[in-house]
Amino acid sequence: MASSSQVRDIHHYIMYENIQKLLTMHPNSVMFYDDEWISYNDDGTYQFEWSNDNRKSEVKMEQLGVWWNKTGIIEYFVKPSTSSTNALLYASFDNANLKLRRPCDGSQYSAEQLYLIADYTNPQFTVDTYRYIRAKNYTIFSLPPGSEQDTPTRSYLFKAFNRHIQNKHKKYNGDIIRAMNDFCEKTEVAFFVKGIDTFFNSFRKHYDEKIEISGDAIWILKTNLRFVLFECLHTVKTLYYA
């Protein structure tokens, strides 16, 4: 039965141990995804937004969805605000999946387990989309709560594309596809490797801070328990000798 409702919970948060293992042992099995709405204004500038809920009807607005990893942008789609997302998303995912599973040397198609890291804490996929991707032998992870600053696509990739398109806004005249093709062609692999490394290091710092906080919390808990135990013993002793 088809369902266009949003997934309530992916149930798989990507944790430091997961990302460390994947990026060190299976780097080619990981793919990142996010999408953003881009409006083209009358003055020739662009504006990136998370959703198009507050858009003005007279403003041209398109959705950019990107699948990428350390090798570069694997696949992307650009969708007008008036059309359906699912068809373009499915087609672009299928293309990205084929590219990720078929090595450059043209050897046999791989059916191994792959991993998709969604760039947001709260799921943005519909139930149908989630099932469609999962059926292709993918585990879908989302970022854990409190790690919004670690988003690799929105905070790194889209930020760089925003600079690219703003600096040359007159060249593209609102043509997001042409701007994206130009960005893909002129951006070296080192940029994407740096993005993944930045994400990993930021995630590790976030993880270390959590451990430090947890360690302090355990020490405080033990101290408080000792104090409570002492007070209980003192009360019992006072009542006994009263």
Protein backbone atom coordinates (compact mmCIF):
# COMPACT_ATOMS: atom_id res chain seq x y z
CA MET A 1 0.00 0.00 0.00
CA ALA A 2 1.46 3.36 -1.04
CA SER A 3 2.07 5.99 1.59
CA SER A 4 3.08 9.62 1.11
CA SER A 5 3.28 10.31 4.85
CA GLN A 6 6.61 11.25 6.43
CA VAL A 7 8.74 8.66 8.20
CA ARG A 8 8.39 9.36 11.91
CA ASP A 9 11.70 7.87 12.98
CA ILE A 10 14.50 6.20 11.03
CA HIS A 11 15.58 4.40 14.24
CA HIS A 12 19.22 4.42 13.12
CA TYR A 13 21.31 7.34 14.35
CA ILE A 14 24.82 7.39 12.96
CA MET A 15 27.17 7.28 15.96
CA TYR A 16 30.90 7.93 16.13
CA GLU A 17 31.75 4.22 16.24
CA ASN A 18 29.66 3.63 13.09
CA ILE A 19 31.13 6.47 11.06
CA GLN A 20 34.68 5.65 12.16
CA LYS A 21 34.32 2.05 11.00
CA LEU A 22 32.57 2.93 7.75
CA LEU A 23 34.92 5.73 6.69
CA THR A 24 38.08 3.79 7.55
CA MET A 25 37.15 0.25 6.49
CA HIS A 26 34.37 0.73 3.91
CA PRO A 27 34.63 4.33 2.60
CA ASN A 28 33.16 3.49 -0.80
CA SER A 29 30.02 2.00 0.74
CA VAL A 30 28.84 5.33 2.20
CA MET A 31 26.70 7.94 0.47
CA PHE A 32 25.38 11.25 1.85
CA TYR A 33 22.12 12.95 0.88
CA ASP A 34 20.27 16.19 1.48
CA ASP A 35 18.09 18.60 -0.46
CA GLU A 36 17.54 22.34 -0.35
CA TRP A 37 15.15 24.82 -1.95
CA ILE A 38 16.77 27.58 -4.00
CA SER A 39 14.93 30.73 -5.04
CA TYR A 40 16.09 33.08 -7.79
CA ASN A 41 15.27 36.69 -6.95
CA ASP A 42 14.58 39.66 -9.21
CA ASP A 43 17.96 41.21 -8.38
CA GLY A 44 19.76 38.12 -9.70
CA THR A 45 20.67 36.69 -6.30
CA TYR A 46 19.84 33.27 -4.91
CA GLN A 47 18.46 32.21 -1.54
CA PHE A 48 18.83 28.75 -0.01
CA GLU A 49 16.01 27.52 2.22
CA TRP A 50 15.19 24.29 4.02
CA SER A 51 11.59 24.21 2.78
CA ASN A 52 9.32 26.06 0.37
CA ASP A 53 6.42 26.49 2.80
CA ASN A 54 6.78 30.28 2.95
CA ARG A 55 7.60 30.91 -0.70
CA LYS A 56 5.93 33.67 -2.69
CA SER A 57 4.08 32.46 -5.76
CA GLU A 58 5.87 34.92 -8.05
CA VAL A 59 9.35 33.79 -6.97
CA LYS A 60 11.02 31.05 -9.02
CA MET A 61 11.95 28.22 -6.65
CA GLU A 62 13.53 24.83 -7.31
CA GLN A 63 14.57 21.91 -5.12
CA LEU A 64 18.15 20.63 -5.37
CA GLY A 65 18.80 17.10 -4.10
CA VAL A 66 22.37 15.75 -3.98
CA TRP A 67 23.88 12.28 -3.46
CA TRP A 68 27.64 12.41 -2.82
CA ASN A 69 30.65 10.90 -1.08
CA LYS A 70 34.43 11.40 -0.92
CA THR A 71 34.79 10.88 -4.68
CA GLY A 72 32.48 13.78 -5.52
CA ILE A 73 28.85 14.36 -6.45
CA ILE A 74 27.48 11.00 -7.55
CA GLU A 75 24.10 12.23 -8.75
CA TYR A 76 21.71 15.13 -8.26
CA PHE A 77 18.28 16.34 -9.32
CA VAL A 78 16.65 19.75 -9.72
CA LYS A 79 12.87 19.87 -9.27
CA PRO A 80 10.49 22.77 -9.95
CA SER A 81 8.18 23.61 -7.05
CA THR A 82 5.13 22.58 -9.07
CA SER A 83 6.17 18.98 -9.80
CA SER A 84 6.32 15.81 -7.68
CA THR A 85 9.52 15.03 -5.79
CA ASN A 86 9.30 11.23 -5.69
CA ALA A 87 9.77 10.49 -9.40
CA LEU A 88 12.94 12.61 -9.69
CA LEU A 89 14.25 11.44 -6.33
CA TYR A 90 13.78 7.76 -7.24
CA ALA A 91 15.42 8.21 -10.65
CA SER A 92 18.41 10.09 -9.24
CA PHE A 93 18.80 7.56 -6.42
CA ASP A 94 18.74 4.66 -8.90
CA ASN A 95 21.48 6.34 -10.95
CA ALA A 96 23.55 7.04 -7.83
CA ASN A 97 23.07 3.47 -6.64
CA LEU A 98 24.28 2.05 -9.97
CA LYS A 99 27.35 4.30 -9.95
CA LEU A 100 28.18 3.39 -6.36
CA ARG A 101 27.81 -0.34 -6.96
CA ARG A 102 29.56 -0.54 -10.33
CA PRO A 103 33.33 0.07 -10.00
CA CYS A 104 35.20 2.26 -12.48
CA ASP A 105 36.95 -0.79 -13.94
CA GLY A 106 33.60 -2.10 -15.19
CA SER A 107 33.74 -5.24 -13.05
CA GLN A 108 30.69 -7.06 -11.75
CA TYR A 109 27.83 -5.12 -10.14
CA SER A 110 28.04 -5.31 -6.34
CA ALA A 111 25.01 -6.28 -4.26
CA GLU A 112 26.68 -5.67 -0.89
CA GLN A 113 25.14 -3.71 1.95
CA LEU A 114 25.52 0.06 1.46
CA TYR A 115 24.86 3.00 3.76
CA LEU A 116 23.02 6.26 3.25
CA ILE A 117 23.58 9.08 5.75
CA ALA A 118 20.73 11.59 5.66
CA ASP A 119 21.83 15.09 6.56
CA TYR A 120 19.15 15.82 9.12
CA THR A 121 18.14 14.73 12.62
CA ASN A 122 14.44 14.40 11.82
CA PRO A 123 13.50 12.16 8.87
CA GLN A 124 12.42 13.96 5.69
CA PHE A 125 11.67 10.88 3.60
CA THR A 126 8.17 9.66 2.90
CA VAL A 127 7.36 6.11 3.97
CA ASP A 128 7.40 5.00 0.32
CA THR A 129 10.82 6.57 -0.31
CA TYR A 130 12.24 5.00 2.83
CA ARG A 131 10.99 1.56 1.80
CA TYR A 132 12.22 2.04 -1.77
CA ILE A 133 15.78 2.83 -0.67
CA ARG A 134 15.82 0.12 1.99
CA ALA A 135 14.74 -2.44 -0.62
CA LYS A 136 17.95 -1.69 -2.53
CA ASN A 137 19.97 -3.11 0.39
CA TYR A 138 20.73 0.19 2.13
CA THR A 139 20.86 1.00 5.81
CA ILE A 140 19.68 4.58 6.31
CA PHE A 141 21.23 6.60 9.11
CA SER A 142 20.29 10.07 10.31
CA LEU A 143 22.38 12.39 12.46
CA PRO A 144 21.74 12.13 16.21
CA PRO A 145 19.95 14.93 18.10
CA GLY A 146 22.27 17.79 19.02
CA SER A 147 24.61 17.30 16.06
CA GLU A 148 23.02 19.77 13.65
CA GLN A 149 26.34 21.62 13.36
CA ASP A 150 27.90 18.47 11.88
CA THR A 151 25.70 18.29 8.77
CA PRO A 152 28.14 17.58 5.92
CA THR A 153 25.86 18.44 3.01
CA ARG A 154 24.07 21.53 4.29
CA SER A 155 26.98 23.01 6.28
CA TYR A 156 29.73 22.20 3.80
CA LEU A 157 28.64 21.19 0.30
CA PHE A 158 25.61 23.47 -0.10
CA LYS A 159 27.51 26.31 1.56
CA ALA A 160 30.23 26.03 -1.09
CA PHE A 161 27.68 25.77 -3.91
CA ASN A 162 25.93 28.86 -2.55
CA ARG A 163 29.19 30.82 -2.76
CA HIS A 164 29.77 29.51 -6.28
CA ILE A 165 26.35 30.46 -7.58
CA GLN A 166 26.25 33.86 -5.83
CA ASN A 167 29.64 34.86 -7.23
CA LYS A 168 28.52 34.06 -10.76
CA HIS A 169 24.79 34.75 -10.47
CA LYS A 170 24.63 36.78 -13.69
CA LYS A 171 26.26 33.94 -15.61
CA TYR A 172 23.54 31.39 -14.80
CA ASN A 173 20.41 33.59 -14.72
CA GLY A 174 18.58 31.17 -12.44
CA ASP A 175 19.65 28.02 -14.30
CA ILE A 176 20.41 25.73 -11.33
CA ILE A 177 21.22 22.73 -13.52
CA ARG A 178 23.86 24.66 -15.48
CA ALA A 179 25.29 26.06 -12.26
CA MET A 180 25.45 22.59 -10.71
CA ASN A 181 27.09 21.07 -13.78
CA ASP A 182 29.70 23.82 -13.70
CA PHE A 183 30.26 23.29 -9.96
CA CYS A 184 30.72 19.52 -10.44
CA GLU A 185 33.14 20.03 -13.31
CA LYS A 186 35.32 22.60 -11.56
CA THR A 187 35.37 21.17 -8.02
CA GLU A 188 38.29 18.82 -7.35
CA VAL A 189 38.05 15.56 -5.40
CA ALA A 190 40.14 17.08 -2.59
CA PHE A 191 37.18 19.34 -1.74
CA PHE A 192 34.90 16.36 -1.10
CA VAL A 193 37.57 14.46 0.84
CA LYS A 194 38.04 17.52 3.04
CA GLY A 195 34.28 17.72 3.59
CA ILE A 196 34.11 14.13 4.81
CA ASP A 197 37.19 14.62 7.00
CA THR A 198 35.72 17.81 8.48
CA PHE A 199 32.48 15.98 9.23
CA PHE A 200 34.38 13.09 10.84
CA ASN A 201 36.58 15.35 13.00
CA SER A 202 33.62 17.48 14.07
CA PHE A 203 31.69 14.35 14.92
CA ARG A 204 34.65 13.00 16.92
CA LYS A 205 34.87 16.25 18.91
CA HIS A 206 31.13 16.06 19.61
CA TYR A 207 31.57 12.43 20.70
CA ASP A 208 34.55 13.25 22.99
CA GLU A 209 32.57 16.06 24.63
CA LYS A 210 29.73 13.63 25.29
CA ILE A 211 32.15 11.19 26.95
CA GLU A 212 33.63 13.98 29.09
CA ILE A 213 30.16 15.12 30.15
CA SER A 214 29.15 11.53 30.88
CA GLY A 215 32.29 11.03 32.97
CA ASP A 216 31.58 14.16 35.02
CA ALA A 217 27.96 13.11 35.43
CA ILE A 218 29.00 9.70 36.78
CA TRP A 219 31.39 11.34 39.28
CA ILE A 220 28.65 13.72 40.45
CA LEU A 221 26.19 10.83 40.75
CA LYS A 222 28.61 8.78 42.84
CA THR A 223 29.34 11.77 45.08
CA ASN A 224 25.64 12.44 45.60
CA LEU A 225 24.97 8.78 46.38
CA ARG A 226 27.72 8.79 49.01
CA PHE A 227 26.21 11.91 50.58
CA VAL A 228 22.70 10.41 50.62
CA LEU A 229 24.01 7.17 52.11
CA PHE A 230 25.88 9.09 54.82
CA GLU A 231 22.74 11.08 55.68
CA CYS A 232 20.66 7.89 55.89
CA LEU A 233 23.16 6.21 58.21
CA HIS A 234 23.33 9.33 60.38
CA THR A 235 19.53 9.42 60.66
CA VAL A 236 19.33 5.72 61.57
CA LYS A 237 22.04 6.14 64.19
CA THR A 238 20.27 9.16 65.72
CA LEU A 239 16.94 7.30 65.93
CA TYR A 240 18.61 4.22 67.42
CA TYR A 241 20.22 6.12 70.31
CA ALA A 242 17.23 8.42 70.92
